[in-house]
Amino acid sequence: MTAVAAIAAPPARRRRRDDITAAGIVLMVLWAIALAAIAFAISRALNAEHLAAYGERLESGFLLTLRLVVSSVVIGAIISIPVAAGRLSNNRVIGAVAYAYSYFFRGTPLVAQLFLVYYGAGEFVGVLRATGLWWFFRDATNCAILSFALNTAAYQSEILAGAVRNVPRGQLEAAAALGLHRFVVLRRIVMPQAIITALRPYGNEVVLMVKASAVASIVTVLDLMGQTRFIFSKTYDLSFYLLAAVFYLVLVEALGRGVNAIERRITRHILPTMRA
């Protein structure tokens, strides 16, 4: 008598609607009600004449906010690579310098850093003129981008360094046993796994950067919040602040959706149970 091994059939893929829990449905309904209430409040409170007169200012402020966030995040990502390498270095001096940079910019308020760059540059006008850098520092927008980039670079470096440390050491030892070059190991083994680990923290950092960018209006940058303050000073219409909040909310939601889409794309080869 021969025994036939029973081969378990692969589990059927759950339909998307089965993943929606009752709590998720309630949350979606609450969000829909909240958005409807906000839209109704704006439509009742917003003055059509004021919107026609200052609508272009809101649009330009929103575009400038996008420029601030994108520029600072990209520049910060470039700066974060050598800082993260320093945090991972076995050299005590390099590690101490990288740690000091990260500690300072993560431990002090962003608004204080912005003041140091914007107002501090004015204390060195002669030196900056002599070195040809005054054209950069005399522009408040440039100072805001530099401050934001230095700040987010500290956070991004910690995210990147932590993601690299999260790669199992056994894989590195196996790659070394195979005689793979360190650059190949970094490009083919370490970074693909580190990116998956770091993606969601990176998304959270970008969202925080969007909300933190509002402090740029303190140094006369007419971003979304700066334009809203200007419009309010002319109209005393509080509904413009509510409208600005909606702009920020839409931007944050779009970023969150984008991060989720990227995460699903780069983890499509991972089993759903492992992703969970």
C-alpha atoms as a PDB file:
ATOM      1  CA  MET A   1       0.000   0.000   0.000  1.00  0.00           C
ATOM      2  CA  THR A   2       1.496   3.229  -1.057  1.00  0.00           C
ATOM      3  CA  ALA A   3       1.005   6.419   0.849  1.00  0.00           C
ATOM      4  CA  VAL A   4       0.251   9.461  -1.180  1.00  0.00           C
ATOM      5  CA  ALA A   5       1.527  12.694   0.297  1.00  0.00           C
ATOM      6  CA  ALA A   6      -1.201  15.241   0.539  1.00  0.00           C
ATOM      7  CA  ILE A   7      -0.209  18.484  -1.032  1.00  0.00           C
ATOM      8  CA  ALA A   8      -1.967  21.405   0.499  1.00  0.00           C
ATOM      9  CA  ALA A   9      -3.511  23.721  -1.991  1.00  0.00           C
ATOM     10  CA  PRO A  10      -2.204  27.283  -1.886  1.00  0.00           C
ATOM     11  CA  PRO A  11      -4.447  29.535   0.141  1.00  0.00           C
ATOM     12  CA  ALA A  12      -6.896  31.445  -1.956  1.00  0.00           C
ATOM     13  CA  ARG A  13      -6.093  35.104  -2.272  1.00  0.00           C
ATOM     14  CA  ARG A  14      -8.398  37.166  -0.171  1.00  0.00           C
ATOM     15  CA  ARG A  15     -10.504  39.642  -1.973  1.00  0.00           C
ATOM     16  CA  ARG A  16      -9.715  43.256  -1.317  1.00  0.00           C
ATOM     17  CA  ARG A  17     -13.098  43.932   0.236  1.00  0.00           C
ATOM     18  CA  ASP A  18     -12.501  41.154   2.786  1.00  0.00           C
ATOM     19  CA  ASP A  19      -9.594  43.185   4.167  1.00  0.00           C
ATOM     20  CA  ILE A  20     -11.860  46.081   5.033  1.00  0.00           C
ATOM     21  CA  THR A  21     -12.792  45.801   8.678  1.00  0.00           C
ATOM     22  CA  ALA A  22     -15.748  47.358  10.412  1.00  0.00           C
ATOM     23  CA  ALA A  23     -13.429  49.838  12.101  1.00  0.00           C
ATOM     24  CA  GLY A  24     -12.047  50.844   8.704  1.00  0.00           C
ATOM     25  CA  ILE A  25     -15.548  51.453   7.350  1.00  0.00           C
ATOM     26  CA  VAL A  26     -16.449  53.569  10.374  1.00  0.00           C
ATOM     27  CA  LEU A  27     -13.217  55.548   9.981  1.00  0.00           C
ATOM     28  CA  MET A  28     -13.921  56.163   6.286  1.00  0.00           C
ATOM     29  CA  VAL A  29     -17.445  57.359   7.102  1.00  0.00           C
ATOM     30  CA  LEU A  30     -16.126  59.703   9.790  1.00  0.00           C
ATOM     31  CA  TRP A  31     -13.529  61.106   7.369  1.00  0.00           C
ATOM     32  CA  ALA A  32     -16.218  61.656   4.743  1.00  0.00           C
ATOM     33  CA  ILE A  33     -18.416  63.465   7.261  1.00  0.00           C
ATOM     34  CA  ALA A  34     -15.494  65.605   8.439  1.00  0.00           C
ATOM     35  CA  LEU A  35     -14.505  66.565   4.877  1.00  0.00           C
ATOM     36  CA  ALA A  36     -18.115  67.371   4.026  1.00  0.00           C
ATOM     37  CA  ALA A  37     -18.383  69.553   7.142  1.00  0.00           C
ATOM     38  CA  ILE A  38     -15.146  71.373   6.262  1.00  0.00           C
ATOM     39  CA  ALA A  39     -16.290  71.939   2.678  1.00  0.00           C
ATOM     40  CA  PHE A  40     -19.648  73.241   3.906  1.00  0.00           C
ATOM     41  CA  ALA A  41     -17.993  75.556   6.444  1.00  0.00           C
ATOM     42  CA  ILE A  42     -15.647  76.963   3.815  1.00  0.00           C
ATOM     43  CA  SER A  43     -18.449  77.504   1.294  1.00  0.00           C
ATOM     44  CA  ARG A  44     -20.515  79.373   3.899  1.00  0.00           C
ATOM     45  CA  ALA A  45     -17.685  81.424   5.389  1.00  0.00           C
ATOM     46  CA  LEU A  46     -15.552  82.241   2.365  1.00  0.00           C
ATOM     47  CA  ASN A  47     -16.218  85.559   0.717  1.00  0.00           C
ATOM     48  CA  ALA A  48     -16.408  85.166  -3.062  1.00  0.00           C
ATOM     49  CA  GLU A  49     -14.977  88.641  -3.653  1.00  0.00           C
ATOM     50  CA  HIS A  50     -12.034  87.995  -1.362  1.00  0.00           C
ATOM     51  CA  LEU A  51     -11.370  84.650  -3.042  1.00  0.00           C
ATOM     52  CA  ALA A  52     -11.418  86.273  -6.488  1.00  0.00           C
ATOM     53  CA  ALA A  53      -9.061  88.996  -5.321  1.00  0.00           C
ATOM     54  CA  TYR A  54      -6.562  86.791  -3.465  1.00  0.00           C
ATOM     55  CA  GLY A  55      -6.979  83.382  -5.070  1.00  0.00           C
ATOM     56  CA  GLU A  56      -3.803  83.797  -7.127  1.00  0.00           C
ATOM     57  CA  ARG A  57      -1.840  84.558  -3.970  1.00  0.00           C
ATOM     58  CA  LEU A  58      -3.003  81.310  -2.394  1.00  0.00           C
ATOM     59  CA  GLU A  59      -2.001  79.426  -5.528  1.00  0.00           C
ATOM     60  CA  SER A  60       1.472  80.983  -5.618  1.00  0.00           C
ATOM     61  CA  GLY A  61       1.892  80.293  -1.894  1.00  0.00           C
ATOM     62  CA  PHE A  62       0.958  76.651  -2.374  1.00  0.00           C
ATOM     63  CA  LEU A  63       3.448  76.279  -5.236  1.00  0.00           C
ATOM     64  CA  LEU A  64       6.179  77.895  -3.127  1.00  0.00           C
ATOM     65  CA  THR A  65       5.407  75.469  -0.290  1.00  0.00           C
ATOM     66  CA  LEU A  66       5.857  72.601  -2.740  1.00  0.00           C
ATOM     67  CA  ARG A  67       9.178  74.080  -3.845  1.00  0.00           C
ATOM     68  CA  LEU A  68      10.359  74.438  -0.241  1.00  0.00           C
ATOM     69  CA  VAL A  69       9.454  70.869   0.648  1.00  0.00           C
ATOM     70  CA  VAL A  70      10.757  69.187  -2.502  1.00  0.00           C
ATOM     71  CA  SER A  71      14.014  71.160  -2.554  1.00  0.00           C
ATOM     72  CA  SER A  72      14.760  70.661   1.132  1.00  0.00           C
ATOM     73  CA  VAL A  73      13.929  66.940   1.082  1.00  0.00           C
ATOM     74  CA  VAL A  74      16.059  66.263  -2.020  1.00  0.00           C
ATOM     75  CA  ILE A  75      19.036  68.305  -0.770  1.00  0.00           C
ATOM     76  CA  GLY A  76      18.628  66.773   2.678  1.00  0.00           C
ATOM     77  CA  ALA A  77      18.660  63.275   1.165  1.00  0.00           C
ATOM     78  CA  ILE A  78      21.967  64.055  -0.559  1.00  0.00           C
ATOM     79  CA  ILE A  79      23.483  65.403   2.677  1.00  0.00           C
ATOM     80  CA  SER A  80      22.147  62.463   4.691  1.00  0.00           C
ATOM     81  CA  ILE A  81      24.162  59.874   2.747  1.00  0.00           C
ATOM     82  CA  PRO A  82      27.625  60.901   4.025  1.00  0.00           C
ATOM     83  CA  VAL A  83      26.164  61.620   7.474  1.00  0.00           C
ATOM     84  CA  ALA A  84      24.625  58.132   7.607  1.00  0.00           C
ATOM     85  CA  ALA A  85      27.944  56.681   6.434  1.00  0.00           C
ATOM     86  CA  GLY A  86      29.605  58.533   9.306  1.00  0.00           C
ATOM     87  CA  ARG A  87      27.075  57.141  11.783  1.00  0.00           C
ATOM     88  CA  LEU A  88      27.930  53.636  10.543  1.00  0.00           C
ATOM     89  CA  SER A  89      31.690  54.225  10.457  1.00  0.00           C
ATOM     90  CA  ASN A  90      34.026  52.446  12.854  1.00  0.00           C
ATOM     91  CA  ASN A  91      36.238  55.536  12.926  1.00  0.00           C
ATOM     92  CA  ARG A  92      35.566  57.302  16.229  1.00  0.00           C
ATOM     93  CA  VAL A  93      36.318  60.789  14.929  1.00  0.00           C
ATOM     94  CA  ILE A  94      34.054  60.463  11.887  1.00  0.00           C
ATOM     95  CA  GLY A  95      31.364  58.837  13.992  1.00  0.00           C
ATOM     96  CA  ALA A  96      31.558  61.616  16.590  1.00  0.00           C
ATOM     97  CA  VAL A  97      31.259  64.356  13.959  1.00  0.00           C
ATOM     98  CA  ALA A  98      28.258  62.659  12.340  1.00  0.00           C
ATOM     99  CA  TYR A  99      26.637  62.124  15.733  1.00  0.00           C
ATOM    100  CA  ALA A 100      27.199  65.764  16.723  1.00  0.00           C
ATOM    101  CA  TYR A 101      25.572  66.964  13.494  1.00  0.00           C
ATOM    102  CA  SER A 102      22.567  64.680  13.970  1.00  0.00           C
ATOM    103  CA  TYR A 103      22.269  65.496  17.674  1.00  0.00           C
ATOM    104  CA  PHE A 104      22.315  69.262  17.121  1.00  0.00           C
ATOM    105  CA  PHE A 105      19.777  69.440  14.294  1.00  0.00           C
ATOM    106  CA  ARG A 106      17.423  66.898  15.852  1.00  0.00           C
ATOM    107  CA  GLY A 107      17.701  68.378  19.320  1.00  0.00           C
ATOM    108  CA  THR A 108      17.097  72.065  18.574  1.00  0.00           C
ATOM    109  CA  PRO A 109      13.907  73.719  17.254  1.00  0.00           C
ATOM    110  CA  LEU A 110      13.636  74.201  13.507  1.00  0.00           C
ATOM    111  CA  VAL A 111      12.607  77.817  13.960  1.00  0.00           C
ATOM    112  CA  ALA A 112      15.826  78.497  15.910  1.00  0.00           C
ATOM    113  CA  GLN A 113      17.875  76.960  13.112  1.00  0.00           C
ATOM    114  CA  LEU A 114      16.027  79.114  10.583  1.00  0.00           C
ATOM    115  CA  PHE A 115      16.772  82.245  12.599  1.00  0.00           C
ATOM    116  CA  LEU A 116      20.443  81.287  12.878  1.00  0.00           C
ATOM    117  CA  VAL A 117      20.753  80.969   9.104  1.00  0.00           C
ATOM    118  CA  TYR A 118      18.579  83.936   8.102  1.00  0.00           C
ATOM    119  CA  TYR A 119      19.545  86.504  10.714  1.00  0.00           C
ATOM    120  CA  GLY A 120      22.992  85.061  11.353  1.00  0.00           C
ATOM    121  CA  ALA A 121      23.949  85.548   7.705  1.00  0.00           C
ATOM    122  CA  GLY A 122      23.367  89.267   8.141  1.00  0.00           C
ATOM    123  CA  GLU A 123      26.164  89.363  10.722  1.00  0.00           C
ATOM    124  CA  PHE A 124      28.669  88.227   8.091  1.00  0.00           C
ATOM    125  CA  VAL A 125      27.667  90.353   5.114  1.00  0.00           C
ATOM    126  CA  GLY A 126      31.253  91.395   4.413  1.00  0.00           C
ATOM    127  CA  VAL A 127      32.563  87.838   4.411  1.00  0.00           C
ATOM    128  CA  LEU A 128      29.672  86.561   2.326  1.00  0.00           C
ATOM    129  CA  ARG A 129      30.113  89.365  -0.204  1.00  0.00           C
ATOM    130  CA  ALA A 130      33.822  88.630  -0.442  1.00  0.00           C
ATOM    131  CA  THR A 131      33.188  84.938  -1.060  1.00  0.00           C
ATOM    132  CA  GLY A 132      30.365  85.601  -3.526  1.00  0.00           C
ATOM    133  CA  LEU A 133      27.695  83.918  -1.383  1.00  0.00           C
ATOM    134  CA  TRP A 134      25.652  86.950  -0.375  1.00  0.00           C
ATOM    135  CA  TRP A 135      23.320  86.523  -3.361  1.00  0.00           C
ATOM    136  CA  PHE A 136      22.202  83.241  -1.803  1.00  0.00           C
ATOM    137  CA  PHE A 137      21.820  84.287   1.823  1.00  0.00           C
ATOM    138  CA  ARG A 138      20.072  87.586   1.115  1.00  0.00           C
ATOM    139  CA  ASP A 139      17.073  85.622  -0.225  1.00  0.00           C
ATOM    140  CA  ALA A 140      14.792  84.436   2.582  1.00  0.00           C
ATOM    141  CA  THR A 141      13.556  81.514   0.476  1.00  0.00           C
ATOM    142  CA  ASN A 142      17.106  80.218   0.018  1.00  0.00           C
ATOM    143  CA  CYS A 143      17.758  80.500   3.746  1.00  0.00           C
ATOM    144  CA  ALA A 144      14.568  78.558   4.466  1.00  0.00           C
ATOM    145  CA  ILE A 145      15.504  75.797   2.015  1.00  0.00           C
ATOM    146  CA  LEU A 146      19.002  75.534   3.519  1.00  0.00           C
ATOM    147  CA  SER A 147      17.662  75.404   7.082  1.00  0.00           C
ATOM    148  CA  PHE A 148      15.042  72.795   6.220  1.00  0.00           C
ATOM    149  CA  ALA A 149      17.567  70.709   4.272  1.00  0.00           C
ATOM    150  CA  LEU A 150      20.072  70.658   7.130  1.00  0.00           C
ATOM    151  CA  ASN A 151      17.302  69.728   9.560  1.00  0.00           C
ATOM    152  CA  THR A 152      15.739  66.940   7.529  1.00  0.00           C
ATOM    153  CA  ALA A 153      19.192  65.580   6.603  1.00  0.00           C
ATOM    154  CA  ALA A 154      19.777  64.802  10.285  1.00  0.00           C
ATOM    155  CA  TYR A 155      16.542  62.815  10.510  1.00  0.00           C
ATOM    156  CA  GLN A 156      17.029  61.116   7.152  1.00  0.00           C
ATOM    157  CA  SER A 157      20.560  60.059   8.097  1.00  0.00           C
ATOM    158  CA  GLU A 158      19.262  58.344  11.230  1.00  0.00           C
ATOM    159  CA  ILE A 159      16.535  56.620   9.213  1.00  0.00           C
ATOM    160  CA  LEU A 160      19.030  55.422   6.612  1.00  0.00           C
ATOM    161  CA  ALA A 161      21.611  54.293   9.167  1.00  0.00           C
ATOM    162  CA  GLY A 162      18.963  52.413  11.133  1.00  0.00           C
ATOM    163  CA  ALA A 163      17.673  50.702   7.994  1.00  0.00           C
ATOM    164  CA  VAL A 164      21.172  49.584   7.037  1.00  0.00           C
ATOM    165  CA  ARG A 165      21.760  48.214  10.551  1.00  0.00           C
ATOM    166  CA  ASN A 166      18.507  46.271  10.209  1.00  0.00           C
ATOM    167  CA  VAL A 167      19.881  44.160   7.346  1.00  0.00           C
ATOM    168  CA  PRO A 168      20.695  40.693   8.758  1.00  0.00           C
ATOM    169  CA  ARG A 169      24.405  40.343   9.370  1.00  0.00           C
ATOM    170  CA  GLY A 170      24.332  36.783   8.072  1.00  0.00           C
ATOM    171  CA  GLN A 171      23.648  38.047   4.564  1.00  0.00           C
ATOM    172  CA  LEU A 172      26.719  40.263   4.687  1.00  0.00           C
ATOM    173  CA  GLU A 173      28.829  37.363   5.909  1.00  0.00           C
ATOM    174  CA  ALA A 174      27.483  35.158   3.117  1.00  0.00           C
ATOM    175  CA  ALA A 175      28.300  37.834   0.522  1.00  0.00           C
ATOM    176  CA  ALA A 176      31.813  38.156   1.929  1.00  0.00           C
ATOM    177  CA  ALA A 177      32.240  34.386   1.744  1.00  0.00           C
ATOM    178  CA  LEU A 178      31.295  34.508  -1.945  1.00  0.00           C
ATOM    179  CA  GLY A 179      33.964  37.140  -2.524  1.00  0.00           C
ATOM    180  CA  LEU A 180      31.548  39.846  -3.669  1.00  0.00           C
ATOM    181  CA  HIS A 181      32.877  43.382  -3.898  1.00  0.00           C
ATOM    182  CA  ARG A 182      31.674  45.754  -1.166  1.00  0.00           C
ATOM    183  CA  PHE A 183      30.030  48.046  -3.731  1.00  0.00           C
ATOM    184  CA  VAL A 184      28.110  45.092  -5.201  1.00  0.00           C
ATOM    185  CA  VAL A 185      27.022  44.029  -1.720  1.00  0.00           C
ATOM    186  CA  LEU A 186      25.842  47.558  -0.977  1.00  0.00           C
ATOM    187  CA  ARG A 187      23.973  47.936  -4.278  1.00  0.00           C
ATOM    188  CA  ARG A 188      22.510  44.448  -4.593  1.00  0.00           C
ATOM    189  CA  ILE A 189      21.969  43.280  -1.015  1.00  0.00           C
ATOM    190  CA  VAL A 190      22.043  46.081   1.535  1.00  0.00           C
ATOM    191  CA  MET A 191      20.271  48.997  -0.148  1.00  0.00           C
ATOM    192  CA  PRO A 192      17.264  47.089  -1.596  1.00  0.00           C
ATOM    193  CA  GLN A 193      16.409  45.789   1.871  1.00  0.00           C
ATOM    194  CA  ALA A 194      17.247  49.061   3.615  1.00  0.00           C
ATOM    195  CA  ILE A 195      14.979  51.028   1.278  1.00  0.00           C
ATOM    196  CA  ILE A 196      12.016  48.787   2.124  1.00  0.00           C
ATOM    197  CA  THR A 197      12.638  49.290   5.834  1.00  0.00           C
ATOM    198  CA  ALA A 198      13.214  53.036   5.534  1.00  0.00           C
ATOM    199  CA  LEU A 199      10.409  53.907   3.122  1.00  0.00           C
ATOM    200  CA  ARG A 200       7.652  54.491   5.641  1.00  0.00           C
ATOM    201  CA  PRO A 201       9.842  56.502   8.056  1.00  0.00           C
ATOM    202  CA  TYR A 202      10.967  58.554   5.048  1.00  0.00           C
ATOM    203  CA  GLY A 203       7.321  59.204   4.200  1.00  0.00           C
ATOM    204  CA  ASN A 204       6.628  60.313   7.755  1.00  0.00           C
ATOM    205  CA  GLU A 205       9.618  62.663   7.613  1.00  0.00           C
ATOM    206  CA  VAL A 206       8.358  64.260   4.388  1.00  0.00           C
ATOM    207  CA  VAL A 207       4.915  64.749   5.951  1.00  0.00           C
ATOM    208  CA  LEU A 208       6.497  66.385   8.997  1.00  0.00           C
ATOM    209  CA  MET A 209       8.535  68.588   6.660  1.00  0.00           C
ATOM    210  CA  VAL A 210       5.343  69.735   4.899  1.00  0.00           C
ATOM    211  CA  LYS A 211       3.829  70.859   8.181  1.00  0.00           C
ATOM    212  CA  ALA A 212       7.079  72.343   9.490  1.00  0.00           C
ATOM    213  CA  SER A 213       7.513  74.404   6.322  1.00  0.00           C
ATOM    214  CA  ALA A 214       4.894  76.812   7.648  1.00  0.00           C
ATOM    215  CA  VAL A 215       7.547  78.402   9.899  1.00  0.00           C
ATOM    216  CA  ALA A 216       9.163  79.879   6.770  1.00  0.00           C
ATOM    217  CA  SER A 217       6.513  82.598   6.848  1.00  0.00           C
ATOM    218  CA  ILE A 218       8.168  84.001   9.991  1.00  0.00           C
ATOM    219  CA  VAL A 219      11.138  85.193   7.918  1.00  0.00           C
ATOM    220  CA  THR A 220       8.982  86.886   5.249  1.00  0.00           C
ATOM    221  CA  VAL A 221       8.746  83.884   2.921  1.00  0.00           C
ATOM    222  CA  LEU A 222       5.358  84.108   1.206  1.00  0.00           C
ATOM    223  CA  ASP A 223       4.594  80.398   1.138  1.00  0.00           C
ATOM    224  CA  LEU A 224       1.059  79.111   1.714  1.00  0.00           C
ATOM    225  CA  MET A 225       1.024  80.208   5.346  1.00  0.00           C
ATOM    226  CA  GLY A 226       2.766  83.494   4.541  1.00  0.00           C
ATOM    227  CA  GLN A 227       0.216  84.350   1.874  1.00  0.00           C
ATOM    228  CA  THR A 228      -2.612  83.347   4.204  1.00  0.00           C
ATOM    229  CA  ARG A 229      -1.285  85.699   6.889  1.00  0.00           C
ATOM    230  CA  PHE A 230      -1.041  88.493   4.330  1.00  0.00           C
ATOM    231  CA  ILE A 231      -4.596  87.915   3.098  1.00  0.00           C
ATOM    232  CA  PHE A 232      -5.926  87.856   6.651  1.00  0.00           C
ATOM    233  CA  SER A 233      -4.164  91.143   7.417  1.00  0.00           C
ATOM    234  CA  LYS A 234      -6.082  92.701   4.506  1.00  0.00           C
ATOM    235  CA  THR A 235      -9.481  91.045   4.908  1.00  0.00           C
ATOM    236  CA  TYR A 236      -9.679  89.749   8.518  1.00  0.00           C
ATOM    237  CA  ASP A 237     -11.347  86.680   6.991  1.00  0.00           C
ATOM    238  CA  LEU A 238     -10.544  83.641   9.146  1.00  0.00           C
ATOM    239  CA  SER A 239     -11.918  81.270   6.522  1.00  0.00           C
ATOM    240  CA  PHE A 240      -8.662  81.639   4.569  1.00  0.00           C
ATOM    241  CA  TYR A 241      -6.824  79.898   7.417  1.00  0.00           C
ATOM    242  CA  LEU A 242      -9.347  77.062   7.152  1.00  0.00           C
ATOM    243  CA  LEU A 243      -8.737  76.930   3.406  1.00  0.00           C
ATOM    244  CA  ALA A 244      -4.978  76.828   3.954  1.00  0.00           C
ATOM    245  CA  ALA A 245      -5.436  73.938   6.388  1.00  0.00           C
ATOM    246  CA  VAL A 246      -7.324  72.051   3.685  1.00  0.00           C
ATOM    247  CA  PHE A 247      -4.460  72.648   1.242  1.00  0.00           C
ATOM    248  CA  TYR A 248      -1.994  71.191   3.756  1.00  0.00           C
ATOM    249  CA  LEU A 249      -4.338  68.269   4.459  1.00  0.00           C
ATOM    250  CA  VAL A 250      -4.683  67.452   0.757  1.00  0.00           C
ATOM    251  CA  LEU A 251      -0.909  67.609   0.271  1.00  0.00           C
ATOM    252  CA  VAL A 252      -0.253  65.333   3.260  1.00  0.00           C
ATOM    253  CA  GLU A 253      -2.900  62.864   2.105  1.00  0.00           C
ATOM    254  CA  ALA A 254      -1.445  62.786  -1.415  1.00  0.00           C
ATOM    255  CA  LEU A 255       2.023  62.090  -0.007  1.00  0.00           C
ATOM    256  CA  GLY A 256       0.683  59.319   2.202  1.00  0.00           C
ATOM    257  CA  ARG A 257      -1.061  57.682  -0.748  1.00  0.00           C
ATOM    258  CA  GLY A 258       2.098  57.974  -2.816  1.00  0.00           C
ATOM    259  CA  VAL A 259       4.231  56.315  -0.149  1.00  0.00           C
ATOM    260  CA  ASN A 260       1.705  53.478   0.168  1.00  0.00           C
ATOM    261  CA  ALA A 261       1.721  52.949  -3.597  1.00  0.00           C
ATOM    262  CA  ILE A 262       5.531  52.865  -3.718  1.00  0.00           C
ATOM    263  CA  GLU A 263       5.647  50.451  -0.796  1.00  0.00           C
ATOM    264  CA  ARG A 264       3.197  48.076  -2.489  1.00  0.00           C
ATOM    265  CA  ARG A 265       5.263  48.285  -5.658  1.00  0.00           C
ATOM    266  CA  ILE A 266       8.654  47.485  -4.157  1.00  0.00           C
ATOM    267  CA  THR A 267       7.303  44.781  -1.821  1.00  0.00           C
ATOM    268  CA  ARG A 268       5.185  42.979  -4.430  1.00  0.00           C
ATOM    269  CA  HIS A 269       7.576  40.010  -4.304  1.00  0.00           C
ATOM    270  CA  ILE A 270       7.021  39.577  -0.556  1.00  0.00           C
ATOM    271  CA  LEU A 271       4.216  37.320   0.652  1.00  0.00           C
ATOM    272  CA  PRO A 272       1.216  39.235   2.088  1.00  0.00           C
ATOM    273  CA  THR A 273       1.649  37.450   5.441  1.00  0.00           C
ATOM    274  CA  MET A 274       5.273  38.592   5.588  1.00  0.00           C
ATOM    275  CA  ARG A 275       4.327  42.197   4.758  1.00  0.00           C
ATOM    276  CA  ALA A 276       1.750  42.188   7.535  1.00  0.00           C
END
